[in-house]
Amino acid sequence: MNIIIFGPPGAGKGTQSSFLINNFNFFQLSTGDLLRNELKSGSKLASEIEVLMNSGKLVSDDIINNLIEKKLEDKSIENRIIFDGFPRNIDQAKTLDNLLEKHSQSISLVLNLKVDYSILTKRISGRLSCSVCKKTFNEFFDPPTTCEDPNCKSRTLVKRSDDNEDTVSKRLKTYDESTLPILDYYSAKNIVSDVDAMGQIAMVSDQISNIIKDLKS
């Protein structure tokens, strides 16, 4: 089956994608990874992407669709793909359906990670990481402790410049306006399963595991 993991910024999409990869042998398809890998390839398309990114422009949907289709042609990951961070709007959702149909595939499940926005704001704005080993903490939910690596004695705790309440608020507004409507599109296909993503990571993973096992049974 192919899965879309869906939810607002900070809902834990990356964490739960890793769980699915490790426990159910899925392949995570992230548009960011696709772009980075293409840039490393030195291809003609890589040159086009580099020019766009260096000029501060967004990479076009056509380029993203081209990269996704390359992956859909890979038989080694057929029908075991997790789409993480894509699609982001209705047009992309429809295009993805067309690309999948072209390669005799489809989306079997949309996992909708539900988290209260006040919690999301704290999850993102409270993120800190060790400058040495990169271990992550959260000043609200997981206060910094001593790192296991002895080299971290001289560490500083780093916060990303975009991990602040104002930026988070803008990202959530964009999500509400552009991305959230996709849920209605997939709900009409009866493939959306809600996941309570407010609890501990292991509890969220257990919910997802049960959903997938039920679908496979």
Protein backbone atom coordinates (compact mmCIF):
# COMPACT_ATOMS: atom_id res chain seq x y z
CA MET A 1 0.00 0.00 0.00
CA ASN A 2 0.98 3.64 -0.52
CA ILE A 3 0.39 6.07 2.35
CA ILE A 4 0.17 9.82 2.76
CA ILE A 5 1.15 10.99 6.23
CA PHE A 6 -0.73 14.21 6.82
CA GLY A 7 -0.73 16.84 9.52
CA PRO A 8 0.33 20.37 10.43
CA PRO A 9 3.95 21.41 11.03
CA GLY A 10 5.27 19.79 14.20
CA ALA A 11 2.68 16.99 14.27
CA GLY A 12 5.37 14.30 14.10
CA LYS A 13 5.12 13.27 10.44
CA GLY A 14 8.86 12.63 10.13
CA THR A 15 9.02 10.63 13.36
CA GLN A 16 6.10 8.40 12.39
CA SER A 17 7.43 7.99 8.85
CA SER A 18 10.63 6.60 10.39
CA PHE A 19 8.54 4.20 12.47
CA LEU A 20 6.79 2.92 9.33
CA ILE A 21 10.09 2.53 7.50
CA ASN A 22 11.65 0.54 10.34
CA ASN A 23 8.65 -1.63 11.16
CA PHE A 24 6.75 -2.07 7.90
CA ASN A 25 9.49 -1.70 5.28
CA PHE A 26 8.07 1.43 3.67
CA PHE A 27 10.06 3.92 1.59
CA GLN A 28 9.73 7.58 2.56
CA LEU A 29 9.30 9.92 -0.39
CA SER A 30 10.07 13.48 0.67
CA THR A 31 10.17 16.22 -1.96
CA GLY A 32 13.04 17.87 -0.06
CA ASP A 33 15.10 14.67 -0.26
CA LEU A 34 14.25 14.28 -3.95
CA LEU A 35 15.53 17.77 -4.69
CA ARG A 36 18.71 17.31 -2.66
CA ASN A 37 19.47 13.96 -4.32
CA GLU A 38 18.86 15.38 -7.78
CA LEU A 39 21.20 18.29 -7.06
CA LYS A 40 23.95 15.79 -6.18
CA SER A 41 23.45 13.93 -9.47
CA GLY A 42 24.89 16.71 -11.64
CA SER A 43 22.12 16.20 -14.22
CA LYS A 44 20.71 18.84 -16.56
CA LEU A 45 17.65 19.02 -14.32
CA ALA A 46 19.94 19.54 -11.30
CA SER A 47 21.36 22.64 -13.01
CA GLU A 48 17.85 24.02 -13.56
CA ILE A 49 16.93 23.40 -9.93
CA GLU A 50 20.13 25.03 -8.68
CA VAL A 51 19.48 28.19 -10.73
CA LEU A 52 15.95 28.45 -9.34
CA MET A 53 17.01 27.90 -5.73
CA ASN A 54 19.94 30.31 -5.96
CA SER A 55 17.61 33.00 -7.25
CA GLY A 56 15.22 32.43 -4.36
CA LYS A 57 12.44 31.08 -6.56
CA LEU A 58 10.24 28.08 -5.79
CA VAL A 59 10.83 24.90 -7.72
CA SER A 60 7.90 24.39 -10.10
CA ASP A 61 5.29 21.66 -9.70
CA ASP A 62 6.41 20.25 -13.07
CA ILE A 63 9.91 19.61 -11.72
CA ILE A 64 8.56 18.06 -8.51
CA ASN A 65 6.18 15.84 -10.52
CA ASN A 66 9.08 14.77 -12.74
CA LEU A 67 11.13 13.70 -9.70
CA ILE A 68 8.17 11.88 -8.14
CA GLU A 69 7.44 9.99 -11.35
CA LYS A 70 11.04 8.78 -11.45
CA LYS A 71 10.45 7.17 -8.06
CA LEU A 72 7.13 5.68 -9.12
CA GLU A 73 8.96 3.90 -11.94
CA ASP A 74 11.19 2.15 -9.37
CA LYS A 75 9.72 -1.35 -8.98
CA SER A 76 11.72 -1.98 -5.79
CA ILE A 77 9.51 0.46 -3.85
CA GLU A 78 6.25 -0.11 -5.69
CA ASN A 79 3.16 0.10 -3.46
CA ARG A 80 5.14 0.75 -0.26
CA ILE A 81 5.70 4.51 -0.45
CA ILE A 82 5.04 7.05 2.29
CA PHE A 83 4.42 10.53 0.90
CA ASP A 84 5.66 12.99 3.52
CA GLY A 85 5.03 16.70 2.91
CA PHE A 86 3.36 16.08 -0.44
CA PRO A 87 0.80 16.83 -1.74
CA ARG A 88 0.40 20.33 -0.28
CA ASN A 89 -2.69 21.44 -2.24
CA ILE A 90 -5.63 20.03 -4.20
CA ASP A 91 -3.92 20.40 -7.60
CA GLN A 92 -0.92 18.40 -6.37
CA ALA A 93 -3.24 15.75 -4.93
CA LYS A 94 -5.01 15.31 -8.26
CA THR A 95 -1.71 15.21 -10.14
CA LEU A 96 -0.37 12.59 -7.73
CA ASP A 97 -3.46 10.43 -8.34
CA ASN A 98 -2.87 10.66 -12.09
CA LEU A 99 0.81 9.76 -11.78
CA LEU A 100 0.01 6.78 -9.53
CA GLU A 101 -2.72 5.56 -11.89
CA LYS A 102 -0.27 5.79 -14.79
CA HIS A 103 1.97 3.36 -12.92
CA SER A 104 -0.89 1.09 -11.76
CA GLN A 105 -0.73 2.30 -8.17
CA SER A 106 -2.92 4.31 -5.81
CA ILE A 107 -3.10 5.81 -2.33
CA SER A 108 -4.49 3.25 0.13
CA LEU A 109 -4.40 5.32 3.31
CA VAL A 110 -4.12 8.90 4.52
CA LEU A 111 -2.94 9.12 8.14
CA ASN A 112 -4.23 12.38 9.58
CA LEU A 113 -2.12 13.32 12.62
CA LYS A 114 -4.28 15.54 14.83
CA VAL A 115 -2.63 17.88 17.35
CA ASP A 116 -3.92 20.97 19.14
CA TYR A 117 -2.28 24.08 17.65
CA SER A 118 -1.25 25.44 21.07
CA ILE A 119 0.76 22.24 21.62
CA LEU A 120 2.27 22.47 18.13
CA THR A 121 3.44 26.01 18.81
CA LYS A 122 5.26 24.86 21.95
CA ARG A 123 6.67 21.79 20.17
CA ILE A 124 8.24 23.93 17.47
CA SER A 125 9.10 27.16 19.28
CA GLY A 126 10.59 25.18 22.19
CA ARG A 127 12.97 23.10 20.08
CA LEU A 128 16.66 23.17 21.03
CA SER A 129 19.57 21.05 19.86
CA CYS A 130 23.09 20.37 21.08
CA SER A 131 25.68 22.12 18.91
CA VAL A 132 27.96 19.07 19.10
CA CYS A 133 25.96 15.81 18.92
CA LYS A 134 22.75 17.42 17.58
CA LYS A 135 20.58 15.75 20.24
CA THR A 136 17.23 17.53 20.39
CA PHE A 137 15.38 18.86 23.44
CA ASN A 138 12.28 20.95 24.07
CA GLU A 139 12.21 23.62 26.74
CA PHE A 140 8.51 22.87 27.44
CA PHE A 141 8.25 19.08 27.12
CA ASP A 142 11.82 17.72 27.27
CA PRO A 143 14.09 20.20 29.07
CA PRO A 144 17.79 20.02 28.21
CA THR A 145 19.89 17.50 30.13
CA THR A 146 23.52 16.47 29.89
CA CYS A 147 24.36 14.75 26.60
CA GLU A 148 25.81 11.23 26.66
CA ASP A 149 28.70 12.24 24.42
CA PRO A 150 31.61 13.52 26.58
CA ASN A 151 32.57 15.91 23.76
CA CYS A 152 29.38 17.88 24.50
CA LYS A 153 30.76 19.48 27.66
CA SER A 154 31.53 22.61 25.67
CA ARG A 155 28.20 22.56 23.86
CA THR A 156 25.80 25.40 23.25
CA LEU A 157 22.07 24.86 22.78
CA VAL A 158 20.95 25.97 19.35
CA LYS A 159 17.53 27.21 18.30
CA ARG A 160 16.66 27.52 14.60
CA SER A 161 15.87 31.09 13.58
CA ASP A 162 12.48 30.06 12.19
CA ASP A 163 11.47 28.19 15.36
CA ASN A 164 9.53 31.07 16.90
CA GLU A 165 5.85 31.69 17.61
CA ASP A 166 5.36 34.24 14.81
CA THR A 167 6.79 31.94 12.13
CA VAL A 168 4.86 28.95 13.50
CA SER A 169 1.63 30.96 13.40
CA LYS A 170 2.23 31.88 9.75
CA ARG A 171 3.02 28.27 8.84
CA LEU A 172 -0.16 27.03 10.50
CA LYS A 173 -2.21 29.71 8.69
CA THR A 174 -0.76 28.55 5.35
CA TYR A 175 -1.52 24.95 6.31
CA ASP A 176 -5.15 25.83 7.14
CA GLU A 177 -5.69 27.73 3.91
CA SER A 178 -3.81 25.58 1.36
CA THR A 179 -3.18 22.11 2.73
CA LEU A 180 -6.05 21.28 5.09
CA PRO A 181 -8.66 21.23 2.25
CA ILE A 182 -6.88 18.15 0.86
CA LEU A 183 -8.44 16.15 3.68
CA ASP A 184 -11.91 16.65 2.15
CA TYR A 185 -10.57 15.40 -1.17
CA TYR A 186 -9.28 12.17 0.37
CA SER A 187 -12.18 11.80 2.80
CA ALA A 188 -14.47 11.53 -0.23
CA LYS A 189 -12.44 8.45 -1.19
CA ASN A 190 -12.94 6.96 2.31
CA ILE A 191 -9.21 6.48 2.89
CA VAL A 192 -8.58 8.92 5.78
CA SER A 193 -7.82 7.60 9.27
CA ASP A 194 -7.51 10.08 12.12
CA VAL A 195 -4.64 9.61 14.57
CA ASP A 196 -4.51 11.29 17.99
CA ALA A 197 -0.97 12.65 17.87
CA MET A 198 -1.14 14.49 21.21
CA GLY A 199 0.34 11.66 23.28
CA GLN A 200 3.73 10.02 23.62
CA ILE A 201 5.47 9.00 20.39
CA ALA A 202 5.10 5.28 21.15
CA MET A 203 1.36 5.66 21.70
CA VAL A 204 0.96 7.42 18.36
CA SER A 205 3.01 4.69 16.67
CA ASP A 206 0.78 2.01 18.23
CA GLN A 207 -2.32 3.67 16.77
CA ILE A 208 -0.75 3.79 13.32
CA SER A 209 0.43 0.19 13.59
CA ASN A 210 -3.10 -0.99 14.42
CA ILE A 211 -4.59 0.96 11.50
CA ILE A 212 -2.15 -0.60 9.03
CA LYS A 213 -2.57 -4.11 10.41
CA ASP A 214 -6.36 -3.78 10.12
CA LEU A 215 -6.02 -2.71 6.49
CA LYS A 216 -3.72 -5.62 5.68
CA SER A 217 -5.91 -8.22 7.41
